[in-house]
């Protein structure tokens, strides 16, 4: 089986981290397509569980304006 590295696919680690954080899952689902694509791009570059959890946690941070 060949591993795919397409930026539009949800990495397993991101899916698991989102499943553990319902608020982040809700926010991820409500992202615009460009914002979701950017998050997926970042997720594909993550190299550790802690880094993925930080990326997901950032979804629940209040917006700074």
PDB file of N, CA and C in Angstrom:
ATOM      1  N   UNK A   1       0.844  -1.179   0.000  1.00  0.00           N
ATOM      2  CA  UNK A   1       0.000   0.000   0.000  1.00  0.00           C
ATOM      3  C   UNK A   1       0.888   1.240   0.000  1.00  0.00           C
ATOM      4  N   UNK A   2       0.561   2.181  -0.823  1.00  0.00           N
ATOM      5  CA  UNK A   2       1.337   3.404  -0.970  1.00  0.00           C
ATOM      6  C   UNK A   2       0.775   4.509  -0.083  1.00  0.00           C
ATOM      7  N   UNK A   3       1.653   5.173   0.650  1.00  0.00           N
ATOM      8  CA  UNK A   3       1.230   6.301   1.483  1.00  0.00           C
ATOM      9  C   UNK A   3       1.065   7.525   0.607  1.00  0.00           C
ATOM     10  N   UNK A   4      -0.003   8.251   0.819  1.00  0.00           N
ATOM     11  CA  UNK A   4      -0.252   9.482   0.078  1.00  0.00           C
ATOM     12  C   UNK A   4       0.070  10.667   0.965  1.00  0.00           C
ATOM     13  N   UNK A   5       0.598  11.710   0.376  1.00  0.00           N
ATOM     14  CA  UNK A   5       0.960  12.892   1.146  1.00  0.00           C
ATOM     15  C   UNK A   5       0.255  14.127   0.592  1.00  0.00           C
ATOM     16  N   UNK A   6      -0.978  13.935   0.173  1.00  0.00           N
ATOM     17  CA  UNK A   6      -1.742  15.048  -0.398  1.00  0.00           C
ATOM     18  C   UNK A   6      -2.145  16.016   0.699  1.00  0.00           C
ATOM     19  N   UNK A   7      -1.986  17.299   0.427  1.00  0.00           N
ATOM     20  CA  UNK A   7      -2.278  18.303   1.438  1.00  0.00           C
ATOM     21  C   UNK A   7      -3.767  18.395   1.779  1.00  0.00           C
ATOM     22  N   UNK A   8      -4.641  17.896   0.903  1.00  0.00           N
ATOM     23  CA  UNK A   8      -6.067  17.957   1.168  1.00  0.00           C
ATOM     24  C   UNK A   8      -6.578  16.839   2.052  1.00  0.00           C
ATOM     25  N   UNK A   9      -5.734  15.850   2.325  1.00  0.00           N
ATOM     26  CA  UNK A   9      -6.140  14.720   3.145  1.00  0.00           C
ATOM     27  C   UNK A   9      -5.889  15.012   4.616  1.00  0.00           C
ATOM     28  N   UNK A  10      -6.775  14.513   5.440  1.00  0.00           N
ATOM     29  CA  UNK A  10      -6.655  14.711   6.885  1.00  0.00           C
ATOM     30  C   UNK A  10      -5.636  13.720   7.443  1.00  0.00           C
ATOM     31  N   UNK A  11      -4.513  14.220   7.970  1.00  0.00           N
ATOM     32  CA  UNK A  11      -3.536  13.315   8.570  1.00  0.00           C
ATOM     33  C   UNK A  11      -4.139  12.604   9.778  1.00  0.00           C
ATOM     34  N   UNK A  12      -3.744  11.359   9.981  1.00  0.00           N
ATOM     35  CA  UNK A  12      -4.272  10.563  11.087  1.00  0.00           C
ATOM     36  C   UNK A  12      -4.079  11.270  12.426  1.00  0.00           C
ATOM     37  N   UNK A  13      -2.891  11.824  12.658  1.00  0.00           N
ATOM     38  CA  UNK A  13      -2.614  12.509  13.925  1.00  0.00           C
ATOM     39  C   UNK A  13      -3.533  13.699  14.154  1.00  0.00           C
ATOM     40  N   UNK A  14      -3.858  14.418  13.084  1.00  0.00           N
ATOM     41  CA  UNK A  14      -4.771  15.555  13.206  1.00  0.00           C
ATOM     42  C   UNK A  14      -6.168  15.061  13.543  1.00  0.00           C
ATOM     43  N   UNK A  15      -6.609  14.010  12.881  1.00  0.00           N
ATOM     44  CA  UNK A  15      -7.930  13.447  13.172  1.00  0.00           C
ATOM     45  C   UNK A  15      -8.046  12.987  14.612  1.00  0.00           C
ATOM     46  N   UNK A  16      -7.001  12.331  15.110  1.00  0.00           N
ATOM     47  CA  UNK A  16      -7.008  11.862  16.496  1.00  0.00           C
ATOM     48  C   UNK A  16      -7.012  13.028  17.475  1.00  0.00           C
ATOM     49  N   UNK A  17      -6.206  14.046  17.199  1.00  0.00           N
ATOM     50  CA  UNK A  17      -6.140  15.210  18.092  1.00  0.00           C
ATOM     51  C   UNK A  17      -7.468  15.966  18.085  1.00  0.00           C
ATOM     52  N   UNK A  18      -8.090  16.081  16.919  1.00  0.00           N
ATOM     53  CA  UNK A  18      -9.392  16.755  16.844  1.00  0.00           C
ATOM     54  C   UNK A  18     -10.462  15.960  17.587  1.00  0.00           C
ATOM     55  N   UNK A  19     -10.402  14.634  17.502  1.00  0.00           N
ATOM     56  CA  UNK A  19     -11.385  13.782  18.182  1.00  0.00           C
ATOM     57  C   UNK A  19     -11.299  13.935  19.700  1.00  0.00           C
ATOM     58  N   UNK A  20     -10.138  14.302  20.209  1.00  0.00           N
ATOM     59  CA  UNK A  20      -9.948  14.483  21.642  1.00  0.00           C
ATOM     60  C   UNK A  20     -10.303  15.895  22.100  1.00  0.00           C
ATOM     61  N   UNK A  21     -10.620  16.773  21.161  1.00  0.00           N
ATOM     62  CA  UNK A  21     -10.915  18.156  21.504  1.00  0.00           C
ATOM     63  C   UNK A  21     -12.156  18.609  20.724  1.00  0.00           C
ATOM     64  N   UNK A  22     -13.349  18.367  21.275  1.00  0.00           N
ATOM     65  CA  UNK A  22     -14.595  18.674  20.556  1.00  0.00           C
ATOM     66  C   UNK A  22     -14.712  20.139  20.102  1.00  0.00           C
ATOM     67  N   UNK A  23     -14.226  21.065  20.907  1.00  0.00           N
ATOM     68  CA  UNK A  23     -14.304  22.482  20.515  1.00  0.00           C
ATOM     69  C   UNK A  23     -13.422  22.745  19.295  1.00  0.00           C
ATOM     70  N   UNK A  24     -12.238  22.160  19.276  1.00  0.00           N
ATOM     71  CA  UNK A  24     -11.347  22.315  18.123  1.00  0.00           C
ATOM     72  C   UNK A  24     -11.971  21.669  16.879  1.00  0.00           C
ATOM     73  N   UNK A  25     -12.613  20.518  17.055  1.00  0.00           N
ATOM     74  CA  UNK A  25     -13.285  19.841  15.934  1.00  0.00           C
ATOM     75  C   UNK A  25     -14.373  20.744  15.358  1.00  0.00           C
ATOM     76  N   UNK A  26     -15.130  21.370  16.240  1.00  0.00           N
ATOM     77  CA  UNK A  26     -16.196  22.277  15.814  1.00  0.00           C
ATOM     78  C   UNK A  26     -15.609  23.455  15.030  1.00  0.00           C
ATOM     79  N   UNK A  27     -14.537  24.028  15.538  1.00  0.00           N
ATOM     80  CA  UNK A  27     -13.903  25.159  14.855  1.00  0.00           C
ATOM     81  C   UNK A  27     -13.296  24.743  13.521  1.00  0.00           C
ATOM     82  N   UNK A  28     -12.658  23.567  13.490  1.00  0.00           N
ATOM     83  CA  UNK A  28     -12.073  23.060  12.245  1.00  0.00           C
ATOM     84  C   UNK A  28     -13.156  22.910  11.187  1.00  0.00           C
ATOM     85  N   UNK A  29     -14.296  22.373  11.587  1.00  0.00           N
ATOM     86  CA  UNK A  29     -15.407  22.169  10.656  1.00  0.00           C
ATOM     87  C   UNK A  29     -15.956  23.472  10.103  1.00  0.00           C
ATOM     88  N   UNK A  30     -15.821  24.542  10.871  1.00  0.00           N
ATOM     89  CA  UNK A  30     -16.377  25.823  10.435  1.00  0.00           C
ATOM     90  C   UNK A  30     -15.370  26.699   9.686  1.00  0.00           C
ATOM     91  N   UNK A  31     -14.132  26.216   9.529  1.00  0.00           N
ATOM     92  CA  UNK A  31     -13.118  27.005   8.811  1.00  0.00           C
ATOM     93  C   UNK A  31     -13.482  27.150   7.341  1.00  0.00           C
ATOM     94  N   UNK A  32     -13.076  28.255   6.767  1.00  0.00           N
ATOM     95  CA  UNK A  32     -13.233  28.428   5.323  1.00  0.00           C
ATOM     96  C   UNK A  32     -12.312  27.443   4.619  1.00  0.00           C
ATOM     97  N   UNK A  33     -12.556  27.186   3.360  1.00  0.00           N
ATOM     98  CA  UNK A  33     -11.722  26.247   2.604  1.00  0.00           C
ATOM     99  C   UNK A  33     -10.248  26.664   2.592  1.00  0.00           C
ATOM    100  N   UNK A  34      -9.936  27.954   2.354  1.00  0.00           N
ATOM    101  CA  UNK A  34      -8.512  28.345   2.389  1.00  0.00           C
ATOM    102  C   UNK A  34      -7.879  28.167   3.769  1.00  0.00           C
ATOM    103  N   UNK A  35      -8.623  28.477   4.820  1.00  0.00           N
ATOM    104  CA  UNK A  35      -8.088  28.320   6.175  1.00  0.00           C
ATOM    105  C   UNK A  35      -7.891  26.841   6.505  1.00  0.00           C
ATOM    106  N   UNK A  36      -8.832  26.002   6.094  1.00  0.00           N
ATOM    107  CA  UNK A  36      -8.711  24.565   6.330  1.00  0.00           C
ATOM    108  C   UNK A  36      -7.516  23.991   5.561  1.00  0.00           C
ATOM    109  N   UNK A  37      -7.340  24.425   4.329  1.00  0.00           N
ATOM    110  CA  UNK A  37      -6.194  23.970   3.529  1.00  0.00           C
ATOM    111  C   UNK A  37      -4.877  24.368   4.176  1.00  0.00           C
ATOM    112  N   UNK A  38      -4.824  25.566   4.718  1.00  0.00           N
ATOM    113  CA  UNK A  38      -3.604  26.030   5.388  1.00  0.00           C
ATOM    114  C   UNK A  38      -3.330  25.192   6.636  1.00  0.00           C
ATOM    115  N   UNK A  39      -4.358  24.896   7.399  1.00  0.00           N
ATOM    116  CA  UNK A  39      -4.184  24.066   8.591  1.00  0.00           C
ATOM    117  C   UNK A  39      -3.716  22.661   8.208  1.00  0.00           C
ATOM    118  N   UNK A  40      -4.289  22.103   7.152  1.00  0.00           N
ATOM    119  CA  UNK A  40      -3.871  20.782   6.687  1.00  0.00           C
ATOM    120  C   UNK A  40      -2.419  20.807   6.229  1.00  0.00           C
ATOM    121  N   UNK A  41      -2.019  21.877   5.560  1.00  0.00           N
ATOM    122  CA  UNK A  41      -0.626  22.023   5.130  1.00  0.00           C
ATOM    123  C   UNK A  41       0.294  22.006   6.338  1.00  0.00           C
ATOM    124  N   UNK A  42      -0.071  22.754   7.377  1.00  0.00           N
ATOM    125  CA  UNK A  42       0.732  22.791   8.599  1.00  0.00           C
ATOM    126  C   UNK A  42       0.754  21.417   9.268  1.00  0.00           C
ATOM    127  N   UNK A  43      -0.383  20.745   9.302  1.00  0.00           N
ATOM    128  CA  UNK A  43      -0.477  19.438   9.950  1.00  0.00           C
ATOM    129  C   UNK A  43       0.417  18.408   9.265  1.00  0.00           C
ATOM    130  N   UNK A  44       0.525  18.496   7.952  1.00  0.00           N
ATOM    131  CA  UNK A  44       1.391  17.564   7.225  1.00  0.00           C
ATOM    132  C   UNK A  44       2.862  17.790   7.567  1.00  0.00           C
ATOM    133  N   UNK A  45       3.207  18.959   8.091  1.00  0.00           N
ATOM    134  CA  UNK A  45       4.588  19.255   8.461  1.00  0.00           C
ATOM    135  C   UNK A  45       4.924  18.964   9.911  1.00  0.00           C
ATOM    136  N   UNK A  46       3.937  18.555  10.677  1.00  0.00           N
ATOM    137  CA  UNK A  46       4.134  18.281  12.102  1.00  0.00           C
ATOM    138  C   UNK A  46       4.932  16.986  12.273  1.00  0.00           C
ATOM    139  N   UNK A  47       5.844  17.000  13.246  1.00  0.00           N
ATOM    140  CA  UNK A  47       6.699  15.820  13.431  1.00  0.00           C
ATOM    141  C   UNK A  47       6.568  15.163  14.805  1.00  0.00           C
ATOM    142  N   UNK A  48       5.642  15.655  15.645  1.00  0.00           N
ATOM    143  CA  UNK A  48       5.469  15.023  16.955  1.00  0.00           C
ATOM    144  C   UNK A  48       4.020  15.166  17.428  1.00  0.00           C
ATOM    145  N   UNK A  49       3.658  14.312  18.362  1.00  0.00           N
ATOM    146  CA  UNK A  49       2.318  14.353  18.951  1.00  0.00           C
ATOM    147  C   UNK A  49       2.088  15.688  19.657  1.00  0.00           C
ATOM    148  N   UNK A  50       3.083  16.157  20.393  1.00  0.00           N
ATOM    149  CA  UNK A  50       2.942  17.432  21.110  1.00  0.00           C
ATOM    150  C   UNK A  50       2.740  18.591  20.147  1.00  0.00           C
ATOM    151  N   UNK A  51       3.453  18.558  19.050  1.00  0.00           N
ATOM    152  CA  UNK A  51       3.315  19.617  18.046  1.00  0.00           C
ATOM    153  C   UNK A  51       1.904  19.596  17.445  1.00  0.00           C
ATOM    154  N   UNK A  52       1.369  18.400  17.186  1.00  0.00           N
ATOM    155  CA  UNK A  52       0.018  18.282  16.628  1.00  0.00           C
ATOM    156  C   UNK A  52      -1.013  18.775  17.640  1.00  0.00           C
ATOM    157  N   UNK A  53      -0.825  18.415  18.904  1.00  0.00           N
ATOM    158  CA  UNK A  53      -1.761  18.867  19.932  1.00  0.00           C
ATOM    159  C   UNK A  53      -1.735  20.383  20.066  1.00  0.00           C
ATOM    160  N   UNK A  54      -0.572  20.990  19.928  1.00  0.00           N
ATOM    161  CA  UNK A  54      -0.463  22.448  19.991  1.00  0.00           C
ATOM    162  C   UNK A  54      -1.175  23.086  18.805  1.00  0.00           C
ATOM    163  N   UNK A  55      -1.035  22.489  17.626  1.00  0.00           N
ATOM    164  CA  UNK A  55      -1.708  23.005  16.437  1.00  0.00           C
ATOM    165  C   UNK A  55      -3.222  22.971  16.622  1.00  0.00           C
ATOM    166  N   UNK A  56      -3.723  21.856  17.154  1.00  0.00           N
ATOM    167  CA  UNK A  56      -5.164  21.717  17.388  1.00  0.00           C
ATOM    168  C   UNK A  56      -5.620  22.651  18.497  1.00  0.00           C
ATOM    169  N   UNK A  57      -4.832  22.760  19.553  1.00  0.00           N
ATOM    170  CA  UNK A  57      -5.178  23.659  20.667  1.00  0.00           C
ATOM    171  C   UNK A  57      -5.294  25.102  20.183  1.00  0.00           C
ATOM    172  N   UNK A  58      -4.476  25.476  19.224  1.00  0.00           N
ATOM    173  CA  UNK A  58      -4.516  26.846  18.686  1.00  0.00           C
ATOM    174  C   UNK A  58      -5.867  27.160  18.046  1.00  0.00           C
ATOM    175  N   UNK A  59      -6.581  26.138  17.615  1.00  0.00           N
ATOM    176  CA  UNK A  59      -7.915  26.363  17.033  1.00  0.00           C
ATOM    177  C   UNK A  59      -8.888  26.907  18.064  1.00  0.00           C
ATOM    178  N   UNK A  60      -8.669  26.602  19.330  1.00  0.00           N
ATOM    179  CA  UNK A  60      -9.595  27.031  20.375  1.00  0.00           C
ATOM    180  C   UNK A  60      -9.154  28.321  21.067  1.00  0.00           C
ATOM    181  N   UNK A  61      -8.007  28.827  20.662  1.00  0.00           N
ATOM    182  CA  UNK A  61      -7.523  30.086  21.251  1.00  0.00           C
ATOM    183  C   UNK A  61      -8.409  31.235  20.761  1.00  0.00           C
ATOM    184  N   UNK A  62      -8.655  32.193  21.630  1.00  0.00           N
ATOM    185  CA  UNK A  62      -9.455  33.348  21.194  1.00  0.00           C
ATOM    186  C   UNK A  62      -8.726  34.104  20.078  1.00  0.00           C
ATOM    187  N   UNK A  63      -9.503  34.610  19.155  1.00  0.00           N
ATOM    188  CA  UNK A  63      -8.931  35.397  18.064  1.00  0.00           C
ATOM    189  C   UNK A  63      -8.353  36.693  18.617  1.00  0.00           C
ATOM    190  N   UNK A  64      -7.168  37.020  18.176  1.00  0.00           N
ATOM    191  CA  UNK A  64      -6.534  38.267  18.575  1.00  0.00           C
ATOM    192  C   UNK A  64      -6.763  39.278  17.467  1.00  0.00           C
ATOM    193  N   UNK A  65      -7.431  40.347  17.801  1.00  0.00           N
ATOM    194  CA  UNK A  65      -7.715  41.384  16.779  1.00  0.00           C
ATOM    195  C   UNK A  65      -7.108  42.706  17.166  1.00  0.00           C
TER     196      UNK A  65
END
